[in-house]
Amino acid sequence: MVRFIARRLIQAIPTILMILVLSFFLLRLAPGDIADVMAGESGGASEEYVEQLRQQFGLDRSLFIQLATYIKNVATFELGYSYRQNMAVSELILSRVGPTVILMLTSFAISIVLGIVLGIVAARNVNRPVDRLISLVSTLGYATPLFWVGLMLILIFSITYRIFPTSGIEDIAAFNEGFARVRDIAWHLVLPAVSLSLFYIAVYTRLMRSSLLEQSKMDYVVTAEAKGLPRRKVVYGHVLRNALLPILTMAGVQIGSMLGGSIIIESVFGWPGMGLLAYEALFARDLNLLTGILIVSSVMVILINVVVDVLYAVVDPRIHLK
């Protein structure tokens, strides 16, 4: 397993390099740069001042020289400097990665657990009213945009009934510490996590239902029942483990889209994570910060996919890591 993980991490290096190069050029296709933004915020500036800013930020050099310099810096774990925030990119990302990880892990856990449970309930009651109701709700969750869900939850539970806070990660004015702070963060986390997880709950519910129904028709199920094993043991001891494999596959594939969805949710709820930071950096044309966020996000997705591959071997002992 150690050899497998090491090999996967080494194989990820070309992927990260490709992402770095593509993101570097794609972000620079848009007109304007951080010098134009800063000049515009000051109410206008002369061309000489804008040119001085470009020289200060290294934007007067050719793109290939800028790219070579950036790759060299990344190779030494230096993600550059955010001139807009007057901070190192690594420090900015480090200060925001915690809230994003909390949001993603919470949403991921909610999606997996509820998706599996609802899928099992639907499969055990196939073509019954419960199955039809779960299928209807999952279809609505699948078709509803994330930002609309977030706005509706704010309207209902924050503005109308005032149950949950509208934005932020905690009540700064309360100066909470210890367990009180954890409870405050958890309370702020409810609406963003629910908004982000609804779509994935629908996906995993439908996938779990179809996977269970497919596995229940396999020959090994008929053989196990013919040997006299109880139906519950056959379902939860054999069918369920095999039905979980497509869920793990989908989870590994969709973790990247969940990270992208967190940008929308963090913007709607003012959640101070990497998604909101990327949103702010985009409008500020802070390309160093944007590229750094893309690299860190790519590394997170790759690491999670390695974990998913290891879980494959845990769930199904027939799979060997090579």
Protein backbone atom coordinates (compact mmCIF):
# COMPACT_ATOMS: atom_id res chain seq x y z
CA MET A 1 0.00 0.00 0.00
CA VAL A 2 2.84 2.40 0.80
CA ARG A 3 4.40 1.65 -2.58
CA PHE A 4 1.05 2.24 -4.29
CA ILE A 5 0.53 5.60 -2.57
CA ALA A 6 4.07 6.73 -3.37
CA ARG A 7 3.65 5.79 -7.04
CA ARG A 8 0.33 7.63 -7.27
CA LEU A 9 1.84 10.77 -5.76
CA ILE A 10 4.75 10.65 -8.22
CA GLN A 11 2.32 10.19 -11.11
CA ALA A 12 0.43 13.26 -9.91
CA ILE A 13 3.40 15.57 -10.54
CA PRO A 14 2.90 15.79 -14.36
CA THR A 15 -0.83 16.36 -13.77
CA ILE A 16 -0.18 19.26 -11.41
CA LEU A 17 2.38 20.70 -13.84
CA MET A 18 -0.14 20.53 -16.69
CA ILE A 19 -2.79 22.22 -14.55
CA LEU A 20 -0.31 24.93 -13.61
CA VAL A 21 0.63 25.66 -17.24
CA LEU A 22 -2.96 25.61 -18.53
CA SER A 23 -4.30 27.77 -15.71
CA PHE A 24 -1.40 30.20 -16.11
CA PHE A 25 -2.19 30.86 -19.78
CA LEU A 26 -5.99 30.65 -19.50
CA LEU A 27 -6.15 33.22 -16.69
CA ARG A 28 -4.05 35.61 -18.77
CA LEU A 29 -6.36 35.41 -21.78
CA ALA A 30 -8.80 37.78 -20.06
CA PRO A 31 -8.15 41.48 -20.75
CA GLY A 32 -6.55 43.63 -18.08
CA ASP A 33 -4.37 42.81 -15.11
CA ILE A 34 -3.95 43.72 -11.46
CA ALA A 35 -2.22 46.99 -12.41
CA ASP A 36 -5.33 48.11 -14.33
CA VAL A 37 -7.57 47.14 -11.40
CA MET A 38 -5.48 49.02 -8.84
CA ALA A 39 -5.27 52.05 -11.13
CA GLY A 40 -9.04 51.99 -11.58
CA GLU A 41 -9.65 51.77 -7.83
CA SER A 42 -7.56 54.89 -7.31
CA GLY A 43 -9.90 56.82 -9.59
CA GLY A 44 -7.61 56.80 -12.59
CA ALA A 45 -3.87 56.92 -13.08
CA SER A 46 -1.39 57.92 -15.73
CA GLU A 47 0.08 55.40 -18.15
CA GLU A 48 3.49 55.92 -16.56
CA TYR A 49 2.13 54.90 -13.13
CA VAL A 50 0.41 51.82 -14.56
CA GLU A 51 3.62 50.84 -16.30
CA GLN A 52 5.53 51.23 -13.03
CA LEU A 53 3.05 48.89 -11.36
CA ARG A 54 3.52 46.32 -14.13
CA GLN A 55 7.30 46.50 -13.71
CA GLN A 56 6.93 46.13 -9.92
CA PHE A 57 4.69 43.08 -10.33
CA GLY A 58 6.87 41.55 -13.07
CA LEU A 59 4.09 41.84 -15.66
CA ASP A 60 6.29 43.63 -18.18
CA ARG A 61 8.22 40.42 -18.92
CA SER A 62 7.13 37.88 -21.51
CA LEU A 63 4.60 35.20 -20.54
CA PHE A 64 7.11 32.39 -20.95
CA ILE A 65 9.60 34.08 -18.61
CA GLN A 66 6.80 34.66 -16.09
CA LEU A 67 5.76 31.01 -16.41
CA ALA A 68 9.33 29.71 -15.98
CA THR A 69 9.76 31.88 -12.90
CA TYR A 70 6.48 30.70 -11.43
CA ILE A 71 7.25 27.02 -12.04
CA LYS A 72 10.63 27.50 -10.39
CA ASN A 73 8.96 29.09 -7.37
CA VAL A 74 6.31 26.34 -7.11
CA ALA A 75 9.04 23.69 -7.26
CA THR A 76 10.45 25.24 -4.08
CA PHE A 77 6.93 25.41 -2.53
CA GLU A 78 6.71 29.16 -3.07
CA LEU A 79 3.32 30.15 -4.53
CA GLY A 80 4.19 33.79 -5.08
CA TYR A 81 2.98 37.04 -3.59
CA SER A 82 -0.47 38.64 -3.67
CA TYR A 83 0.12 42.31 -4.36
CA ARG A 84 -3.59 42.95 -3.95
CA GLN A 85 -3.67 41.52 -0.41
CA ASN A 86 -0.05 42.42 0.46
CA MET A 87 0.55 38.88 1.71
CA ALA A 88 2.24 35.72 0.53
CA VAL A 89 -0.13 33.48 -1.41
CA SER A 90 0.73 30.49 0.77
CA GLU A 91 -0.21 32.42 3.93
CA LEU A 92 -3.52 33.54 2.41
CA ILE A 93 -4.45 30.02 1.31
CA LEU A 94 -3.37 28.54 4.63
CA SER A 95 -5.65 30.96 6.46
CA ARG A 96 -8.62 29.94 4.28
CA VAL A 97 -8.09 26.22 3.68
CA GLY A 98 -9.46 25.25 7.10
CA PRO A 99 -13.02 26.57 6.56
CA THR A 100 -13.15 25.00 3.08
CA VAL A 101 -12.03 21.61 4.41
CA ILE A 102 -14.64 21.81 7.20
CA LEU A 103 -17.39 22.67 4.71
CA MET A 104 -16.37 20.00 2.19
CA LEU A 105 -15.88 17.18 4.71
CA THR A 106 -19.21 17.95 6.41
CA SER A 107 -21.05 18.10 3.08
CA PHE A 108 -19.28 14.96 1.88
CA ALA A 109 -20.24 13.03 5.03
CA ILE A 110 -23.86 14.20 4.86
CA SER A 111 -24.08 13.30 1.16
CA ILE A 112 -22.57 9.83 1.53
CA VAL A 113 -24.51 8.83 4.66
CA LEU A 114 -27.92 10.13 3.58
CA GLY A 115 -27.41 8.98 -0.02
CA ILE A 116 -26.62 5.43 1.08
CA VAL A 117 -29.46 5.30 3.63
CA LEU A 118 -32.08 6.70 1.25
CA GLY A 119 -30.82 4.44 -1.55
CA ILE A 120 -31.17 1.37 0.68
CA VAL A 121 -34.67 2.40 1.77
CA ALA A 122 -35.72 2.99 -1.86
CA ALA A 123 -34.27 -0.35 -3.02
CA ARG A 124 -35.94 -2.28 -0.17
CA ASN A 125 -39.30 -0.68 -1.10
CA VAL A 126 -38.94 -0.69 -4.89
CA ASN A 127 -42.03 0.55 -6.80
CA ARG A 128 -43.78 1.37 -3.54
CA PRO A 129 -44.90 4.86 -2.42
CA VAL A 130 -41.72 5.31 -0.33
CA ASP A 131 -39.55 4.52 -3.35
CA ARG A 132 -41.52 6.93 -5.56
CA LEU A 133 -41.30 9.70 -2.95
CA ILE A 134 -37.52 9.29 -2.54
CA SER A 135 -37.08 9.23 -6.33
CA LEU A 136 -39.15 12.42 -6.69
CA VAL A 137 -37.22 14.26 -3.97
CA SER A 138 -33.85 13.12 -5.35
CA THR A 139 -34.83 14.29 -8.84
CA LEU A 140 -35.71 17.72 -7.46
CA GLY A 141 -32.42 17.86 -5.58
CA TYR A 142 -30.54 16.83 -8.69
CA ALA A 143 -32.18 19.52 -10.84
CA THR A 144 -32.07 22.45 -8.42
CA PRO A 145 -29.11 24.89 -8.74
CA LEU A 146 -26.89 25.21 -5.68
CA PHE A 147 -27.05 29.00 -5.47
CA TRP A 148 -30.86 28.95 -5.57
CA VAL A 149 -30.99 26.40 -2.75
CA GLY A 150 -28.64 28.56 -0.69
CA LEU A 151 -30.67 31.72 -1.27
CA MET A 152 -33.96 29.98 -0.42
CA LEU A 153 -32.51 28.54 2.79
CA ILE A 154 -31.30 32.00 3.80
CA LEU A 155 -34.73 33.47 3.01
CA ILE A 156 -36.63 30.84 5.00
CA PHE A 157 -34.37 29.93 7.91
CA SER A 158 -32.38 33.15 8.36
CA ILE A 159 -34.60 36.04 7.33
CA THR A 160 -38.14 34.71 7.89
CA TYR A 161 -37.69 32.51 10.96
CA ARG A 162 -34.23 33.73 12.16
CA ILE A 163 -33.10 30.23 13.15
CA PHE A 164 -29.67 30.19 11.51
CA PRO A 165 -27.21 33.04 10.75
CA THR A 166 -27.14 34.43 7.23
CA SER A 167 -23.38 34.43 6.66
CA GLY A 168 -19.91 34.02 8.13
CA ILE A 169 -18.28 31.17 10.00
CA GLU A 170 -18.81 32.44 13.55
CA ASP A 171 -20.11 35.33 15.61
CA ILE A 172 -16.95 37.41 15.98
CA ALA A 173 -18.54 39.83 18.44
CA ALA A 174 -19.36 36.99 20.86
CA PHE A 175 -15.66 36.17 21.52
CA ASN A 176 -16.52 32.49 22.03
CA GLU A 177 -13.86 30.03 23.15
CA GLY A 178 -13.60 26.28 23.54
CA PHE A 179 -16.78 24.25 23.06
CA ALA A 180 -18.89 27.41 22.75
CA ARG A 181 -16.89 28.42 19.67
CA VAL A 182 -17.18 24.92 18.16
CA ARG A 183 -20.95 25.04 18.66
CA ASP A 184 -21.13 28.51 17.11
CA ILE A 185 -19.15 27.38 14.02
CA ALA A 186 -21.34 24.26 13.72
CA TRP A 187 -24.46 26.45 13.85
CA HIS A 188 -23.09 28.67 11.07
CA LEU A 189 -22.14 25.55 9.09
CA VAL A 190 -25.65 24.07 8.87
CA LEU A 191 -27.06 26.04 5.92
CA PRO A 192 -23.89 26.04 3.76
CA ALA A 193 -23.35 22.30 4.30
CA VAL A 194 -26.98 21.45 3.53
CA SER A 195 -26.94 23.63 0.40
CA LEU A 196 -23.76 22.02 -0.92
CA SER A 197 -24.78 18.45 -0.10
CA LEU A 198 -28.35 18.36 -1.50
CA PHE A 199 -27.24 17.76 -5.09
CA TYR A 200 -24.85 14.97 -4.10
CA ILE A 201 -27.42 13.34 -1.80
CA ALA A 202 -29.67 13.03 -4.85
CA VAL A 203 -26.86 11.56 -6.96
CA TYR A 204 -25.78 8.99 -4.36
CA THR A 205 -29.39 8.02 -3.58
CA ARG A 206 -30.17 7.21 -7.20
CA LEU A 207 -26.85 5.45 -7.68
CA MET A 208 -27.18 3.38 -4.49
CA ARG A 209 -30.71 2.31 -5.37
CA SER A 210 -29.78 1.15 -8.88
CA SER A 211 -26.58 -0.53 -7.64
CA LEU A 212 -28.43 -2.49 -4.93
CA LEU A 213 -31.11 -3.63 -7.37
CA GLU A 214 -28.46 -4.72 -9.84
CA GLN A 215 -26.40 -6.60 -7.24
CA SER A 216 -29.47 -8.35 -5.82
CA LYS A 217 -29.93 -10.14 -9.16
CA MET A 218 -26.39 -11.54 -9.24
CA ASP A 219 -25.68 -15.28 -9.05
CA TYR A 220 -23.80 -15.04 -5.75
CA VAL A 221 -26.97 -13.73 -4.06
CA VAL A 222 -28.98 -16.72 -5.31
CA THR A 223 -26.21 -19.06 -4.13
CA ALA A 224 -26.03 -17.45 -0.66
CA GLU A 225 -29.80 -17.69 -0.21
CA ALA A 226 -29.77 -21.30 -1.44
CA LYS A 227 -27.27 -22.12 1.31
CA GLY A 228 -29.77 -20.90 3.87
CA LEU A 229 -28.22 -17.56 4.82
CA PRO A 230 -30.74 -15.07 6.25
CA ARG A 231 -31.89 -12.37 3.81
CA ARG A 232 -30.64 -9.58 6.07
CA LYS A 233 -27.15 -11.11 6.26
CA VAL A 234 -27.06 -11.56 2.48
CA VAL A 235 -28.06 -7.94 1.89
CA TYR A 236 -25.87 -6.23 4.47
CA GLY A 237 -22.96 -8.70 4.43
CA HIS A 238 -22.57 -9.23 0.69
CA VAL A 239 -24.83 -7.12 -1.54
CA LEU A 240 -24.22 -3.83 0.27
CA ARG A 241 -20.41 -4.10 0.15
CA ASN A 242 -20.44 -4.66 -3.61
CA ALA A 243 -23.03 -1.92 -4.13
CA LEU A 244 -20.77 0.58 -2.34
CA LEU A 245 -18.06 0.37 -5.03
CA PRO A 246 -19.91 2.61 -7.55
CA ILE A 247 -20.54 5.08 -4.71
CA LEU A 248 -16.79 5.26 -4.00
CA THR A 249 -16.07 5.71 -7.70
CA MET A 250 -18.57 8.54 -8.01
CA ALA A 251 -17.32 10.16 -4.80
CA GLY A 252 -13.76 10.23 -6.12
CA VAL A 253 -14.89 11.72 -9.42
CA GLN A 254 -17.21 14.32 -7.90
CA ILE A 255 -14.93 15.61 -5.18
CA GLY A 256 -13.53 18.08 -7.70
CA SER A 257 -16.99 19.34 -8.63
CA MET A 258 -17.83 19.62 -4.91
CA LEU A 259 -14.77 21.82 -4.49
CA GLY A 260 -16.00 23.93 -7.40
CA GLY A 261 -19.48 24.07 -5.89
CA SER A 262 -18.00 25.34 -2.64
CA ILE A 263 -17.00 28.53 -4.50
CA ILE A 264 -20.68 29.26 -5.15
CA ILE A 265 -21.81 28.30 -1.66
CA GLU A 266 -19.03 30.24 0.07
CA SER A 267 -19.91 33.31 -2.01
CA VAL A 268 -23.62 33.03 -1.15
CA PHE A 269 -23.06 32.52 2.58
CA GLY A 270 -19.91 34.61 2.99
CA TRP A 271 -18.08 31.50 4.21
CA PRO A 272 -14.40 32.58 4.53
CA GLY A 273 -12.81 29.67 2.64
CA MET A 274 -10.75 29.22 -0.50
CA GLY A 275 -13.85 29.47 -2.68
CA LEU A 276 -14.68 32.98 -1.50
CA LEU A 277 -10.98 33.88 -1.73
CA ALA A 278 -10.89 32.69 -5.36
CA TYR A 279 -14.04 34.70 -6.11
CA GLU A 280 -12.46 37.85 -4.70
CA ALA A 281 -9.15 37.18 -6.46
CA LEU A 282 -10.90 36.77 -9.81
CA PHE A 283 -12.47 40.22 -9.71
CA ALA A 284 -9.25 41.75 -8.41
CA ARG A 285 -7.29 40.06 -11.27
CA ASP A 286 -4.94 38.65 -8.61
CA LEU A 287 -3.55 35.95 -10.91
CA ASN A 288 -0.83 34.76 -8.52
CA LEU A 289 -3.46 34.05 -5.87
CA LEU A 290 -5.83 32.39 -8.35
CA THR A 291 -3.11 30.12 -9.71
CA GLY A 292 -2.04 29.19 -6.18
CA ILE A 293 -5.63 28.28 -5.25
CA LEU A 294 -5.92 26.10 -8.37
CA ILE A 295 -2.72 24.26 -7.52
CA VAL A 296 -3.72 23.65 -3.89
CA SER A 297 -7.21 22.55 -4.98
CA SER A 298 -5.70 20.13 -7.51
CA VAL A 299 -3.44 18.62 -4.86
CA MET A 300 -6.44 18.20 -2.52
CA VAL A 301 -8.46 16.42 -5.23
CA ILE A 302 -5.54 14.12 -6.09
CA LEU A 303 -4.97 13.20 -2.43
CA ILE A 304 -8.67 12.46 -1.91
CA ASN A 305 -8.70 10.23 -4.99
CA VAL A 306 -5.73 8.29 -3.57
CA VAL A 307 -7.72 7.81 -0.35
CA VAL A 308 -10.70 6.58 -2.41
CA ASP A 309 -8.48 4.04 -4.18
CA VAL A 310 -7.27 2.74 -0.82
CA LEU A 311 -10.87 2.49 0.42
CA TYR A 312 -11.62 0.33 -2.62
CA ALA A 313 -9.26 -2.32 -1.27
CA VAL A 314 -10.80 -2.01 2.21
CA VAL A 315 -14.37 -2.45 0.97
CA ASP A 316 -13.55 -5.19 -1.56
CA PRO A 317 -10.61 -7.46 -0.53
CA ARG A 318 -10.53 -8.87 -4.08
CA ILE A 319 -9.03 -5.59 -5.28
CA HIS A 320 -5.26 -5.48 -4.89
CA LEU A 321 -3.30 -2.23 -4.91
CA LYS A 322 -0.50 -2.44 -7.47
